[in-house]
C-alpha atoms as a PDB file:
ATOM      1  CA  MET A   1     -20.511 -15.137 -14.564  1.00  0.00           C
ATOM      2  CA  ALA A   2     -23.851 -15.038 -12.722  1.00  0.00           C
ATOM      3  CA  SER A   3     -24.991 -11.777 -11.183  1.00  0.00           C
ATOM      4  CA  VAL A   4     -26.175 -10.735  -7.761  1.00  0.00           C
ATOM      5  CA  THR A   5     -29.180  -8.588  -6.976  1.00  0.00           C
ATOM      6  CA  ALA A   6     -29.324  -7.354  -3.388  1.00  0.00           C
ATOM      7  CA  ASP A   7     -32.010  -5.220  -1.785  1.00  0.00           C
ATOM      8  CA  VAL A   8     -31.182  -4.071   1.740  1.00  0.00           C
ATOM      9  CA  SER A   9     -33.863  -2.909   4.162  1.00  0.00           C
ATOM     10  CA  LEU A  10     -34.529  -3.097   7.882  1.00  0.00           C
ATOM     11  CA  GLU A  11     -36.680  -6.135   7.116  1.00  0.00           C
ATOM     12  CA  GLY A  12     -33.564  -8.016   5.996  1.00  0.00           C
ATOM     13  CA  LEU A  13     -31.487  -8.747   2.921  1.00  0.00           C
ATOM     14  CA  LEU A  14     -33.228  -9.867  -0.261  1.00  0.00           C
ATOM     15  CA  LEU A  15     -30.443 -11.651  -2.126  1.00  0.00           C
ATOM     16  CA  ASN A  16     -31.278 -13.000  -5.593  1.00  0.00           C
ATOM     17  CA  GLY A  17     -34.907 -13.386  -4.532  1.00  0.00           C
ATOM     18  CA  ARG A  18     -34.225 -15.026  -1.141  1.00  0.00           C
ATOM     19  CA  LEU A  19     -34.935 -13.047   2.047  1.00  0.00           C
ATOM     20  CA  PHE A  20     -32.445 -13.368   4.915  1.00  0.00           C
ATOM     21  CA  ARG A  21     -33.576 -12.001   8.308  1.00  0.00           C
ATOM     22  CA  SER A  22     -31.426 -13.857  10.812  1.00  0.00           C
ATOM     23  CA  PRO A  23     -28.163 -15.780  11.087  1.00  0.00           C
ATOM     24  CA  VAL A  24     -28.188 -18.962   8.975  1.00  0.00           C
ATOM     25  CA  GLN A  25     -25.835 -21.763   7.958  1.00  0.00           C
ATOM     26  CA  PRO A  26     -23.318 -20.897   5.193  1.00  0.00           C
ATOM     27  CA  SER A  27     -24.981 -23.554   3.021  1.00  0.00           C
ATOM     28  CA  GLU A  28     -28.100 -21.362   2.758  1.00  0.00           C
ATOM     29  CA  TYR A  29     -26.028 -18.633   1.106  1.00  0.00           C
ATOM     30  CA  ALA A  30     -24.293 -21.234  -1.063  1.00  0.00           C
ATOM     31  CA  ALA A  31     -27.732 -22.219  -2.389  1.00  0.00           C
ATOM     32  CA  VAL A  32     -28.171 -18.622  -3.606  1.00  0.00           C
ATOM     33  CA  LEU A  33     -24.603 -17.580  -4.517  1.00  0.00           C
ATOM     34  CA  GLY A  34     -22.813 -20.857  -5.149  1.00  0.00           C
ATOM     35  CA  ILE A  35     -19.658 -22.005  -3.391  1.00  0.00           C
ATOM     36  CA  PRO A  36     -17.336 -19.205  -2.209  1.00  0.00           C
ATOM     37  CA  GLY A  37     -14.031 -18.891  -4.062  1.00  0.00           C
ATOM     38  CA  ARG A  38     -12.161 -19.192  -0.775  1.00  0.00           C
ATOM     39  CA  VAL A  39     -12.638 -19.223   2.976  1.00  0.00           C
ATOM     40  CA  GLU A  40     -10.133 -17.391   5.178  1.00  0.00           C
ATOM     41  CA  ASP A  41      -9.327 -17.583   8.861  1.00  0.00           C
ATOM     42  CA  PRO A  42      -8.308 -13.959   9.339  1.00  0.00           C
ATOM     43  CA  SER A  43      -6.373 -13.757  12.565  1.00  0.00           C
ATOM     44  CA  THR A  44      -3.976 -15.399  14.958  1.00  0.00           C
ATOM     45  CA  PRO A  45      -4.775 -19.079  15.409  1.00  0.00           C
ATOM     46  CA  ALA A  46      -7.401 -19.665  18.051  1.00  0.00           C
ATOM     47  CA  PRO A  47      -6.564 -21.516  21.262  1.00  0.00           C
ATOM     48  CA  TYR A  48      -6.920 -25.290  21.236  1.00  0.00           C
ATOM     49  CA  GLY A  49     -10.571 -26.318  21.094  1.00  0.00           C
ATOM     50  CA  HIS A  50     -11.721 -22.953  19.685  1.00  0.00           C
ATOM     51  CA  ARG A  51     -11.958 -21.416  16.230  1.00  0.00           C
ATOM     52  CA  ASN A  52     -11.907 -17.950  14.681  1.00  0.00           C
ATOM     53  CA  ASN A  53     -14.592 -16.362  12.562  1.00  0.00           C
ATOM     54  CA  GLN A  54     -14.469 -17.675   8.994  1.00  0.00           C
ATOM     55  CA  ILE A  55     -14.602 -15.236   6.069  1.00  0.00           C
ATOM     56  CA  HIS A  56     -16.319 -16.654   2.963  1.00  0.00           C
ATOM     57  CA  LEU A  57     -15.093 -14.616  -0.028  1.00  0.00           C
ATOM     58  CA  PHE A  58     -17.097 -14.548  -3.243  1.00  0.00           C
ATOM     59  CA  ASP A  59     -14.398 -13.137  -5.532  1.00  0.00           C
ATOM     60  CA  GLU A  60     -16.502 -12.952  -8.685  1.00  0.00           C
ATOM     61  CA  PHE A  61     -19.242 -10.928  -6.945  1.00  0.00           C
ATOM     62  CA  GLY A  62     -17.152  -8.633  -4.722  1.00  0.00           C
ATOM     63  CA  LEU A  63     -18.719  -9.614  -1.426  1.00  0.00           C
ATOM     64  CA  TYR A  64     -17.984 -11.706   1.637  1.00  0.00           C
ATOM     65  CA  LEU A  65     -19.805 -13.409   4.495  1.00  0.00           C
ATOM     66  CA  VAL A  66     -18.702 -13.569   8.122  1.00  0.00           C
ATOM     67  CA  GLU A  67     -19.360 -16.900   9.823  1.00  0.00           C
ATOM     68  CA  HIS A  68     -19.408 -16.552  13.623  1.00  0.00           C
ATOM     69  CA  HIS A  69     -16.788 -18.657  15.379  1.00  0.00           C
ATOM     70  CA  ALA A  70     -19.093 -20.150  18.017  1.00  0.00           C
ATOM     71  CA  SER A  71     -22.503 -20.435  16.349  1.00  0.00           C
ATOM     72  CA  ARG A  72     -21.063 -21.293  12.902  1.00  0.00           C
ATOM     73  CA  LEU A  73     -23.833 -19.178  11.411  1.00  0.00           C
ATOM     74  CA  VAL A  74     -23.368 -16.339   8.933  1.00  0.00           C
ATOM     75  CA  ASP A  75     -24.210 -13.182  10.837  1.00  0.00           C
ATOM     76  CA  GLU A  76     -22.842 -10.553   8.439  1.00  0.00           C
ATOM     77  CA  VAL A  77     -22.862  -9.949   4.676  1.00  0.00           C
ATOM     78  CA  VAL A  78     -20.499  -7.267   3.323  1.00  0.00           C
ATOM     79  CA  PHE A  79     -20.697  -5.714  -0.156  1.00  0.00           C
ATOM     80  CA  VAL A  80     -17.270  -4.271  -0.995  1.00  0.00           C
ATOM     81  CA  LEU A  81     -17.461  -0.893  -2.730  1.00  0.00           C
ATOM     82  CA  TRP A  82     -13.836   0.257  -2.304  1.00  0.00           C
ATOM     83  CA  LEU A  83     -11.431  -2.645  -2.497  1.00  0.00           C
ATOM     84  CA  GLU A  84      -8.354  -0.822  -1.180  1.00  0.00           C
ATOM     85  CA  GLU A  85     -10.186   0.000   2.072  1.00  0.00           C
ATOM     86  CA  SER A  86     -11.646  -3.453   2.676  1.00  0.00           C
ATOM     87  CA  PRO A  87     -10.184  -5.538   5.517  1.00  0.00           C
ATOM     88  CA  PHE A  88     -10.961  -8.707   3.530  1.00  0.00           C
ATOM     89  CA  LYS A  89     -10.345  -8.534  -0.186  1.00  0.00           C
ATOM     90  CA  PRO A  90     -12.390 -10.344  -2.778  1.00  0.00           C
ATOM     91  CA  ALA A  91     -10.874 -10.169  -6.269  1.00  0.00           C
ATOM     92  CA  ARG A  92     -13.019  -7.148  -7.215  1.00  0.00           C
ATOM     93  CA  GLU A  93     -15.485  -4.597  -5.956  1.00  0.00           C
ATOM     94  CA  PHE A  94     -19.188  -5.508  -5.930  1.00  0.00           C
ATOM     95  CA  THR A  95     -20.408  -6.187  -9.462  1.00  0.00           C
ATOM     96  CA  GLY A  96     -24.172  -6.677  -9.084  1.00  0.00           C
ATOM     97  CA  ARG A  97     -27.158  -4.458  -8.369  1.00  0.00           C
ATOM     98  CA  LEU A  98     -27.331  -3.171  -4.790  1.00  0.00           C
ATOM     99  CA  THR A  99     -30.054  -1.007  -3.307  1.00  0.00           C
ATOM    100  CA  VAL A 100     -30.176   0.276   0.253  1.00  0.00           C
ATOM    101  CA  GLY A 101     -33.570   1.541   1.302  1.00  0.00           C
ATOM    102  CA  GLY A 102     -34.503   1.832  -2.371  1.00  0.00           C
ATOM    103  CA  VAL A 103     -31.403   3.823  -3.379  1.00  0.00           C
ATOM    104  CA  ASN A 104     -28.973   2.294  -5.878  1.00  0.00           C
ATOM    105  CA  ILE A 105     -25.404   2.035  -4.513  1.00  0.00           C
ATOM    106  CA  VAL A 106     -22.392   1.513  -6.797  1.00  0.00           C
ATOM    107  CA  PRO A 107     -18.622   1.274  -6.266  1.00  0.00           C
ATOM    108  CA  GLY A 108     -17.017   4.719  -6.337  1.00  0.00           C
ATOM    109  CA  MET A 109     -20.188   6.412  -5.106  1.00  0.00           C
ATOM    110  CA  LEU A 110     -19.663   9.500  -2.992  1.00  0.00           C
ATOM    111  CA  ALA A 111     -21.561   9.783   0.295  1.00  0.00           C
ATOM    112  CA  ARG A 112     -23.057  13.122  -0.763  1.00  0.00           C
ATOM    113  CA  GLU A 113     -24.806  11.308  -3.656  1.00  0.00           C
ATOM    114  CA  PHE A 114     -26.760   9.104  -1.241  1.00  0.00           C
ATOM    115  CA  SER A 115     -30.203  10.551  -0.580  1.00  0.00           C
ATOM    116  CA  GLY A 116     -33.822   9.477  -0.546  1.00  0.00           C
ATOM    117  CA  SER A 117     -33.347   6.212   1.334  1.00  0.00           C
ATOM    118  CA  ALA A 118     -36.378   4.679   3.013  1.00  0.00           C
ATOM    119  CA  ILE A 119     -34.060   3.831   5.934  1.00  0.00           C
ATOM    120  CA  ALA A 120     -33.581   6.562   8.563  1.00  0.00           C
ATOM    121  CA  PHE A 121     -29.863   6.231   9.278  1.00  0.00           C
ATOM    122  CA  ASP A 122     -28.059   7.539  12.348  1.00  0.00           C
ATOM    123  CA  GLY A 123     -24.820   9.331  11.601  1.00  0.00           C
ATOM    124  CA  PRO A 124     -22.449   9.685  10.154  1.00  0.00           C
ATOM    125  CA  VAL A 125     -20.353   8.954  13.204  1.00  0.00           C
ATOM    126  CA  LEU A 126     -16.693   8.404  12.274  1.00  0.00           C
ATOM    127  CA  GLY A 127     -17.722   7.607   8.709  1.00  0.00           C
ATOM    128  CA  LEU A 128     -20.497   5.177   9.608  1.00  0.00           C
ATOM    129  CA  TRP A 129     -24.197   5.531   8.876  1.00  0.00           C
ATOM    130  CA  SER A 130     -26.240   2.840  10.634  1.00  0.00           C
ATOM    131  CA  ALA A 131     -29.750   1.734  11.452  1.00  0.00           C
ATOM    132  CA  ARG A 132     -31.260  -1.271  13.203  1.00  0.00           C
ATOM    133  CA  ARG A 133     -34.611  -2.914  13.791  1.00  0.00           C
ATOM    134  CA  ASN A 134     -35.737  -6.358  14.928  1.00  0.00           C
ATOM    135  CA  GLY A 135     -32.319  -7.994  14.800  1.00  0.00           C
ATOM    136  CA  VAL A 136     -31.259  -6.476  11.457  1.00  0.00           C
ATOM    137  CA  TRP A 137     -28.447  -3.892  11.425  1.00  0.00           C
ATOM    138  CA  VAL A 138     -27.493  -2.007   8.254  1.00  0.00           C
ATOM    139  CA  GLY A 139     -24.314   0.020   7.986  1.00  0.00           C
ATOM    140  CA  LEU A 140     -22.723   2.142   5.293  1.00  0.00           C
ATOM    141  CA  ARG A 141     -19.050   2.881   5.920  1.00  0.00           C
ATOM    142  CA  ALA A 142     -17.281   5.744   4.148  1.00  0.00           C
ATOM    143  CA  ALA A 143     -13.984   7.599   4.234  1.00  0.00           C
ATOM    144  CA  GLY A 144     -12.305  10.474   2.475  1.00  0.00           C
ATOM    145  CA  THR A 145     -10.134   9.605  -0.477  1.00  0.00           C
ATOM    146  CA  ARG A 146      -6.427   9.509   0.326  1.00  0.00           C
ATOM    147  CA  GLN A 147      -4.346  12.474  -0.721  1.00  0.00           C
ATOM    148  CA  ARG A 148      -0.695  12.255  -1.750  1.00  0.00           C
ATOM    149  CA  SER A 149       0.255  13.297   1.787  1.00  0.00           C
ATOM    150  CA  GLY A 150      -1.597  10.281   3.183  1.00  0.00           C
ATOM    151  CA  ARG A 151      -4.299  12.397   4.793  1.00  0.00           C
ATOM    152  CA  ARG A 152      -7.954  11.897   4.017  1.00  0.00           C
ATOM    153  CA  GLY A 153      -9.573  14.331   1.618  1.00  0.00           C
ATOM    154  CA  LYS A 154     -13.033  15.877   1.745  1.00  0.00           C
ATOM    155  CA  ARG A 155     -14.422  13.659  -1.040  1.00  0.00           C
ATOM    156  CA  VAL A 156     -16.066  10.976   1.104  1.00  0.00           C
ATOM    157  CA  ARG A 157     -16.572   7.685  -0.733  1.00  0.00           C
ATOM    158  CA  PHE A 158     -18.477   4.594   0.392  1.00  0.00           C
ATOM    159  CA  GLU A 159     -16.240   1.672   1.421  1.00  0.00           C
ATOM    160  CA  ASN A 160     -18.888  -0.992   1.977  1.00  0.00           C
ATOM    161  CA  VAL A 161     -22.444  -1.851   2.877  1.00  0.00           C
ATOM    162  CA  SER A 162     -22.842  -4.328   5.732  1.00  0.00           C
ATOM    163  CA  VAL A 163     -25.936  -6.213   6.812  1.00  0.00           C
ATOM    164  CA  CYS A 164     -25.705  -7.917  10.202  1.00  0.00           C
ATOM    165  CA  PHE A 165     -28.151 -10.255  11.874  1.00  0.00           C
ATOM    166  CA  SER A 166     -28.634 -11.108  15.504  1.00  0.00           C
ATOM    167  CA  SER A 167     -30.429 -14.162  16.784  1.00  0.00           C
ATOM    168  CA  PRO A 168     -33.871 -13.630  18.297  1.00  0.00           C
ATOM    169  CA  LYS A 169     -33.683 -13.347  22.062  1.00  0.00           C
END
């Protein structure tokens, strides 16, 4: 199995040596990651003549891409850190090396362990730390671990890291 190295900053996403700064065709990610294990259409079928966002799941790496329904460009990359909490489920949690603002992020990492990032995040607001600049948005989503009662505990764990791109205006 190949590995993935991802460095996230407000300049973009450096993925296996290739810098992504804006929405691009799925084939540009395929050139870096290979062909996704599967592509899902996640919701109710779209009306005739329309399509839903496509989710490109890279099971072996623990990440997925979101292809916008209208532009057909990938505008979000999600690194899954807590599989049970992910809305789209690759076969495993992220397996490569992931840094966010210079800080190493790993599955199972608690939010309180995240410090020293070069990115000045807003939040957390409802479990989301986020920052944006020049069409690049970076988000870290976290939640408390579930207790036997079903309530969330005080140990807040990262669910995912998302990098979103908007087209230049």
